[in-house]
N, C-alpha and C. Protein backbone atom coordinates (compact mmCIF):
# COMPACT_ATOMS: atom_id res chain seq x y z
N MET A 1 -44.45 143.57 -37.22
CA MET A 1 -44.16 142.25 -37.75
C MET A 1 -43.92 141.31 -36.58
N ARG A 2 -44.54 140.15 -36.67
CA ARG A 2 -44.30 139.09 -35.70
C ARG A 2 -43.72 137.90 -36.47
N ARG A 3 -42.68 137.26 -35.91
CA ARG A 3 -41.99 136.17 -36.60
C ARG A 3 -42.13 134.89 -35.78
N PHE A 4 -42.46 133.78 -36.46
CA PHE A 4 -42.74 132.51 -35.79
C PHE A 4 -42.06 131.35 -36.51
N GLU A 5 -41.88 130.27 -35.78
CA GLU A 5 -41.50 128.99 -36.37
C GLU A 5 -42.77 128.30 -36.84
N LEU A 6 -42.75 127.73 -38.04
CA LEU A 6 -43.90 126.97 -38.54
C LEU A 6 -43.95 125.64 -37.81
N PRO A 7 -45.03 125.33 -37.10
CA PRO A 7 -45.10 124.03 -36.44
C PRO A 7 -45.32 122.93 -37.47
N ARG A 8 -44.55 121.85 -37.35
CA ARG A 8 -44.64 120.72 -38.27
C ARG A 8 -45.04 119.49 -37.48
N ARG A 9 -45.97 118.73 -38.04
CA ARG A 9 -46.45 117.53 -37.38
C ARG A 9 -46.53 116.39 -38.40
N THR A 10 -46.30 115.17 -37.92
CA THR A 10 -46.53 113.98 -38.73
C THR A 10 -48.03 113.71 -38.73
N ILE A 11 -48.58 113.46 -39.91
CA ILE A 11 -50.02 113.21 -40.04
C ILE A 11 -50.23 111.73 -40.32
N GLU A 12 -50.99 111.08 -39.43
CA GLU A 12 -51.30 109.67 -39.59
C GLU A 12 -52.80 109.41 -39.65
N ALA A 13 -53.61 110.46 -39.45
CA ALA A 13 -55.07 110.32 -39.48
C ALA A 13 -55.52 109.87 -40.86
N PHE A 14 -56.66 109.19 -40.90
CA PHE A 14 -57.28 108.74 -42.15
C PHE A 14 -56.41 107.74 -42.91
N GLY A 15 -55.52 107.03 -42.20
CA GLY A 15 -54.64 106.07 -42.85
C GLY A 15 -53.49 106.72 -43.59
N SER A 16 -53.21 108.00 -43.29
CA SER A 16 -52.12 108.71 -43.95
C SER A 16 -50.78 108.12 -43.53
N ALA A 17 -49.81 108.15 -44.46
CA ALA A 17 -48.46 107.65 -44.17
C ALA A 17 -47.46 108.49 -44.92
N GLY A 18 -46.33 108.79 -44.27
CA GLY A 18 -45.28 109.55 -44.92
C GLY A 18 -45.62 111.01 -45.13
N VAL A 19 -46.45 111.58 -44.26
CA VAL A 19 -46.89 112.96 -44.44
C VAL A 19 -46.41 113.82 -43.28
N GLU A 20 -45.74 114.91 -43.60
CA GLU A 20 -45.39 115.94 -42.64
C GLU A 20 -46.14 117.20 -43.08
N MET A 21 -46.81 117.87 -42.15
CA MET A 21 -47.60 119.05 -42.49
C MET A 21 -47.18 120.24 -41.64
N ASP A 22 -46.99 121.39 -42.29
CA ASP A 22 -46.75 122.65 -41.59
C ASP A 22 -48.08 123.34 -41.39
N PHE A 23 -48.27 123.97 -40.23
CA PHE A 23 -49.56 124.58 -39.91
C PHE A 23 -49.46 126.10 -39.87
N LEU A 24 -50.22 126.74 -40.74
CA LEU A 24 -50.32 128.19 -40.73
C LEU A 24 -51.31 128.60 -39.64
N PRO A 25 -51.24 129.86 -39.18
CA PRO A 25 -52.20 130.31 -38.18
C PRO A 25 -53.63 130.25 -38.72
N ARG A 26 -54.59 130.04 -37.82
CA ARG A 26 -56.01 130.09 -38.19
C ARG A 26 -56.38 131.51 -38.54
N VAL A 27 -57.41 131.67 -39.38
CA VAL A 27 -57.95 132.99 -39.70
C VAL A 27 -59.29 133.12 -39.00
N ALA A 28 -59.44 134.15 -38.19
CA ALA A 28 -60.68 134.37 -37.45
C ALA A 28 -61.42 135.60 -38.01
N GLY A 29 -62.71 135.49 -38.12
CA GLY A 29 -63.54 136.62 -38.49
C GLY A 29 -63.33 137.14 -39.90
N ALA A 30 -63.01 136.28 -40.84
CA ALA A 30 -62.70 136.74 -42.20
C ALA A 30 -63.89 136.63 -43.13
N ALA A 31 -64.08 137.66 -43.92
CA ALA A 31 -65.04 137.61 -45.01
C ALA A 31 -64.32 137.25 -46.31
N GLU A 32 -63.02 137.55 -46.34
CA GLU A 32 -62.23 137.31 -47.55
C GLU A 32 -60.83 136.86 -47.19
N THR A 33 -60.38 135.77 -47.79
CA THR A 33 -59.02 135.25 -47.59
C THR A 33 -58.51 134.73 -48.93
N SER A 34 -57.25 135.03 -49.25
CA SER A 34 -56.65 134.49 -50.47
C SER A 34 -55.31 133.85 -50.13
N VAL A 35 -54.93 132.84 -50.92
CA VAL A 35 -53.69 132.10 -50.71
C VAL A 35 -52.91 132.12 -52.02
N HIS A 36 -51.60 132.43 -51.92
CA HIS A 36 -50.74 132.50 -53.09
C HIS A 36 -49.44 131.74 -52.81
N LEU A 37 -48.81 131.23 -53.87
CA LEU A 37 -47.50 130.62 -53.78
C LEU A 37 -46.56 131.46 -54.62
N ALA A 38 -45.49 131.97 -54.00
CA ALA A 38 -44.50 132.79 -54.70
C ALA A 38 -43.19 132.05 -54.76
N THR A 39 -42.54 132.10 -55.91
CA THR A 39 -41.19 131.59 -56.07
C THR A 39 -40.31 132.78 -56.38
N VAL A 40 -39.32 133.03 -55.54
CA VAL A 40 -38.44 134.18 -55.69
C VAL A 40 -37.03 133.67 -55.94
N GLU A 41 -36.45 134.08 -57.05
CA GLU A 41 -35.10 133.60 -57.37
C GLU A 41 -34.08 134.26 -56.45
N ALA A 42 -32.95 133.61 -56.27
CA ALA A 42 -31.88 134.16 -55.42
C ALA A 42 -31.54 135.57 -55.89
N GLY A 43 -31.50 136.50 -54.95
CA GLY A 43 -31.23 137.89 -55.27
C GLY A 43 -32.48 138.69 -55.61
N GLY A 44 -33.62 138.00 -55.74
CA GLY A 44 -34.87 138.67 -56.07
C GLY A 44 -35.49 139.33 -54.85
N THR A 45 -36.47 140.19 -55.10
CA THR A 45 -37.15 140.90 -54.01
C THR A 45 -38.62 141.08 -54.35
N ILE A 46 -39.45 141.05 -53.35
CA ILE A 46 -40.82 141.54 -53.46
C ILE A 46 -40.73 142.94 -52.87
N GLY A 47 -40.85 143.93 -53.72
CA GLY A 47 -40.56 145.31 -53.35
C GLY A 47 -41.39 145.85 -52.20
N VAL A 48 -40.92 146.95 -51.64
CA VAL A 48 -41.58 147.55 -50.49
C VAL A 48 -43.00 147.99 -50.86
N HIS A 49 -43.95 147.59 -50.02
CA HIS A 49 -45.35 147.95 -50.24
C HIS A 49 -46.11 147.85 -48.92
N ARG A 50 -47.27 148.45 -48.92
CA ARG A 50 -48.14 148.44 -47.73
C ARG A 50 -49.06 147.22 -47.81
N ALA A 51 -49.19 146.49 -46.71
CA ALA A 51 -50.11 145.35 -46.67
C ALA A 51 -51.54 145.88 -46.72
N THR A 52 -52.30 145.43 -47.71
CA THR A 52 -53.69 145.88 -47.82
C THR A 52 -54.60 145.12 -46.87
N LYS A 53 -54.17 143.91 -46.48
CA LYS A 53 -54.88 143.09 -45.50
C LYS A 53 -53.83 142.48 -44.58
N SER A 54 -54.25 141.82 -43.50
CA SER A 54 -53.31 141.06 -42.68
C SER A 54 -52.70 139.99 -43.55
N GLN A 55 -51.41 139.68 -43.34
CA GLN A 55 -50.72 138.78 -44.24
C GLN A 55 -49.77 137.84 -43.50
N VAL A 56 -49.84 136.55 -43.86
CA VAL A 56 -48.86 135.56 -43.42
C VAL A 56 -47.93 135.31 -44.60
N PHE A 57 -46.63 135.29 -44.33
CA PHE A 57 -45.59 135.05 -45.32
C PHE A 57 -44.79 133.88 -44.79
N ALA A 58 -45.06 132.66 -45.29
CA ALA A 58 -44.47 131.44 -44.74
C ALA A 58 -43.47 130.86 -45.74
N VAL A 59 -42.21 130.73 -45.32
CA VAL A 59 -41.17 130.20 -46.20
C VAL A 59 -41.23 128.67 -46.16
N ILE A 60 -41.43 128.08 -47.33
CA ILE A 60 -41.53 126.63 -47.46
C ILE A 60 -40.18 126.02 -47.84
N ALA A 61 -39.42 126.75 -48.67
CA ALA A 61 -38.09 126.27 -49.09
C ALA A 61 -37.20 127.48 -49.33
N GLY A 62 -35.92 127.34 -49.00
CA GLY A 62 -34.97 128.42 -49.24
C GLY A 62 -34.85 129.35 -48.05
N ALA A 63 -34.25 130.51 -48.33
CA ALA A 63 -34.01 131.48 -47.26
C ALA A 63 -33.98 132.89 -47.83
N GLY A 64 -34.24 133.83 -46.95
CA GLY A 64 -34.22 135.23 -47.36
C GLY A 64 -34.21 136.15 -46.16
N GLU A 65 -34.67 137.36 -46.39
CA GLU A 65 -34.78 138.36 -45.35
C GLU A 65 -36.09 139.11 -45.54
N VAL A 66 -36.61 139.65 -44.44
CA VAL A 66 -37.81 140.48 -44.48
C VAL A 66 -37.56 141.72 -43.64
N ALA A 67 -38.29 142.77 -43.96
CA ALA A 67 -38.22 144.00 -43.17
C ALA A 67 -39.61 144.60 -43.11
N ASP A 68 -39.88 145.29 -42.02
CA ASP A 68 -41.15 146.01 -41.93
C ASP A 68 -40.88 147.50 -41.96
N THR A 69 -41.72 148.28 -41.35
CA THR A 69 -41.65 149.74 -41.42
C THR A 69 -40.29 150.30 -41.05
N ASP A 70 -39.60 149.69 -40.09
CA ASP A 70 -38.30 150.22 -39.65
C ASP A 70 -37.17 149.95 -40.65
N GLY A 71 -37.41 149.07 -41.65
CA GLY A 71 -36.42 148.80 -42.68
C GLY A 71 -35.30 147.86 -42.27
N VAL A 72 -35.31 147.39 -41.02
CA VAL A 72 -34.27 146.49 -40.54
C VAL A 72 -34.52 145.09 -41.11
N ARG A 73 -33.53 144.55 -41.82
CA ARG A 73 -33.65 143.22 -42.40
C ARG A 73 -33.49 142.13 -41.34
N VAL A 74 -34.39 141.16 -41.37
CA VAL A 74 -34.40 140.05 -40.43
C VAL A 74 -34.34 138.76 -41.25
N PRO A 75 -33.44 137.83 -40.92
CA PRO A 75 -33.38 136.58 -41.69
C PRO A 75 -34.63 135.74 -41.49
N LEU A 76 -34.99 135.02 -42.55
CA LEU A 76 -36.15 134.13 -42.51
C LEU A 76 -35.81 132.92 -43.38
N SER A 77 -36.06 131.73 -42.86
CA SER A 77 -35.71 130.52 -43.62
C SER A 77 -36.87 129.54 -43.60
N ALA A 78 -36.70 128.46 -44.36
CA ALA A 78 -37.74 127.43 -44.43
C ALA A 78 -38.16 127.02 -43.03
N GLY A 79 -39.48 126.92 -42.84
CA GLY A 79 -40.01 126.56 -41.53
C GLY A 79 -40.31 127.75 -40.65
N GLN A 80 -40.21 128.96 -41.20
CA GLN A 80 -40.53 130.17 -40.43
C GLN A 80 -41.54 131.02 -41.20
N LEU A 81 -42.23 131.87 -40.47
CA LEU A 81 -43.20 132.76 -41.08
C LEU A 81 -43.20 134.10 -40.37
N VAL A 82 -43.69 135.11 -41.07
CA VAL A 82 -43.95 136.40 -40.45
C VAL A 82 -45.41 136.74 -40.67
N ILE A 83 -45.94 137.56 -39.77
CA ILE A 83 -47.29 138.09 -39.91
C ILE A 83 -47.19 139.60 -39.95
N TRP A 84 -47.71 140.19 -41.03
CA TRP A 84 -47.80 141.64 -41.12
C TRP A 84 -49.26 142.02 -40.98
N GLU A 85 -49.53 143.06 -40.23
CA GLU A 85 -50.89 143.56 -40.08
C GLU A 85 -51.21 144.50 -41.23
N ALA A 86 -52.50 144.67 -41.51
CA ALA A 86 -52.93 145.59 -42.56
C ALA A 86 -52.33 146.97 -42.29
N GLY A 87 -51.79 147.57 -43.34
CA GLY A 87 -51.21 148.90 -43.23
C GLY A 87 -49.71 148.91 -43.03
N GLU A 88 -49.11 147.77 -42.61
CA GLU A 88 -47.66 147.74 -42.39
C GLU A 88 -46.91 147.75 -43.72
N MET A 89 -45.90 148.62 -43.81
CA MET A 89 -44.99 148.61 -44.96
C MET A 89 -44.04 147.43 -44.76
N HIS A 90 -43.70 146.74 -45.85
CA HIS A 90 -42.79 145.61 -45.73
C HIS A 90 -42.16 145.27 -47.07
N GLN A 91 -41.07 144.50 -47.01
CA GLN A 91 -40.35 144.05 -48.19
C GLN A 91 -39.70 142.72 -47.86
N SER A 92 -39.44 141.91 -48.89
CA SER A 92 -38.73 140.65 -48.68
C SER A 92 -37.70 140.45 -49.78
N TRP A 93 -36.64 139.72 -49.45
CA TRP A 93 -35.53 139.42 -50.37
C TRP A 93 -35.22 137.94 -50.26
N ALA A 94 -34.82 137.32 -51.37
CA ALA A 94 -34.39 135.92 -51.36
C ALA A 94 -32.87 135.88 -51.40
N THR A 95 -32.26 135.23 -50.41
CA THR A 95 -30.81 135.03 -50.43
C THR A 95 -30.46 133.75 -51.18
N THR A 96 -31.39 132.80 -51.20
CA THR A 96 -31.33 131.62 -52.06
C THR A 96 -32.67 131.57 -52.77
N ALA A 97 -32.82 130.69 -53.75
CA ALA A 97 -34.16 130.51 -54.33
C ALA A 97 -35.11 130.20 -53.18
N MET A 98 -36.27 130.83 -53.18
CA MET A 98 -37.16 130.73 -52.03
C MET A 98 -38.59 130.51 -52.51
N SER A 99 -39.28 129.54 -51.91
CA SER A 99 -40.70 129.31 -52.15
C SER A 99 -41.46 129.74 -50.92
N VAL A 100 -42.52 130.53 -51.14
CA VAL A 100 -43.25 131.15 -50.04
C VAL A 100 -44.75 130.98 -50.25
N VAL A 101 -45.47 130.64 -49.19
CA VAL A 101 -46.93 130.68 -49.21
C VAL A 101 -47.34 132.00 -48.57
N ILE A 102 -48.19 132.74 -49.27
CA ILE A 102 -48.67 134.03 -48.77
C ILE A 102 -50.18 133.94 -48.60
N VAL A 103 -50.65 134.21 -47.40
CA VAL A 103 -52.08 134.21 -47.11
C VAL A 103 -52.46 135.63 -46.71
N GLU A 104 -53.44 136.21 -47.42
CA GLU A 104 -53.92 137.55 -47.10
C GLU A 104 -55.38 137.46 -46.70
N SER A 105 -55.74 138.20 -45.65
CA SER A 105 -57.11 138.09 -45.15
C SER A 105 -57.54 139.37 -44.46
N ASP A 106 -58.84 139.64 -44.53
CA ASP A 106 -59.39 140.75 -43.74
C ASP A 106 -59.74 140.28 -42.34
N GLY A 107 -59.48 138.99 -42.05
CA GLY A 107 -59.67 138.45 -40.71
C GLY A 107 -58.41 138.63 -39.88
N ARG A 108 -58.37 137.98 -38.76
CA ARG A 108 -57.25 138.07 -37.82
C ARG A 108 -56.56 136.71 -37.75
N PHE A 109 -55.24 136.69 -37.91
CA PHE A 109 -54.50 135.44 -37.81
C PHE A 109 -54.29 135.11 -36.34
N GLU A 110 -54.69 133.91 -35.96
CA GLU A 110 -54.57 133.46 -34.58
C GLU A 110 -53.50 132.37 -34.50
N THR A 111 -52.43 132.67 -33.80
CA THR A 111 -51.41 131.66 -33.58
C THR A 111 -51.81 130.82 -32.36
N THR A 112 -51.22 129.64 -32.26
CA THR A 112 -51.50 128.76 -31.13
C THR A 112 -50.22 128.56 -30.33
N GLU A 113 -50.30 127.76 -29.30
CA GLU A 113 -49.11 127.46 -28.50
C GLU A 113 -48.05 126.73 -29.33
N HIS A 114 -48.43 126.17 -30.48
CA HIS A 114 -47.47 125.47 -31.34
C HIS A 114 -46.65 126.42 -32.20
N HIS A 115 -47.11 127.66 -32.36
CA HIS A 115 -46.38 128.67 -33.14
C HIS A 115 -45.42 129.40 -32.18
N ARG A 116 -44.16 128.96 -32.18
CA ARG A 116 -43.16 129.55 -31.28
C ARG A 116 -42.64 130.86 -31.88
N GLU A 117 -42.86 131.95 -31.15
CA GLU A 117 -42.41 133.25 -31.65
C GLU A 117 -40.88 133.33 -31.56
N LEU A 118 -40.28 133.87 -32.60
CA LEU A 118 -38.82 133.97 -32.68
C LEU A 118 -38.35 135.37 -32.34
């Protein structure tokens, strides 16, 4: 598991105003990619399972914890993400109501210099 801060930028291109955007890592070499939005109530969990593809788990609102194969819980809050590689066992818990964007892909997630590893 790799943990990063979600880079946020003000968007003014195309006459945009009042827009802040968080940037997920790029997907390279993918034949298949899916995007999901999960809402997990406080005290809820996405149970332990093996990642079938590489996965980004980006917290948009709220806070929780995540663990990978070693089972050690690591805090994760809005503005942060983790990347699990295909085959990694993992689980997540919400300590407050939590909204999460989940991107799964058979490609490779490429972070940039804007994704500060935590």
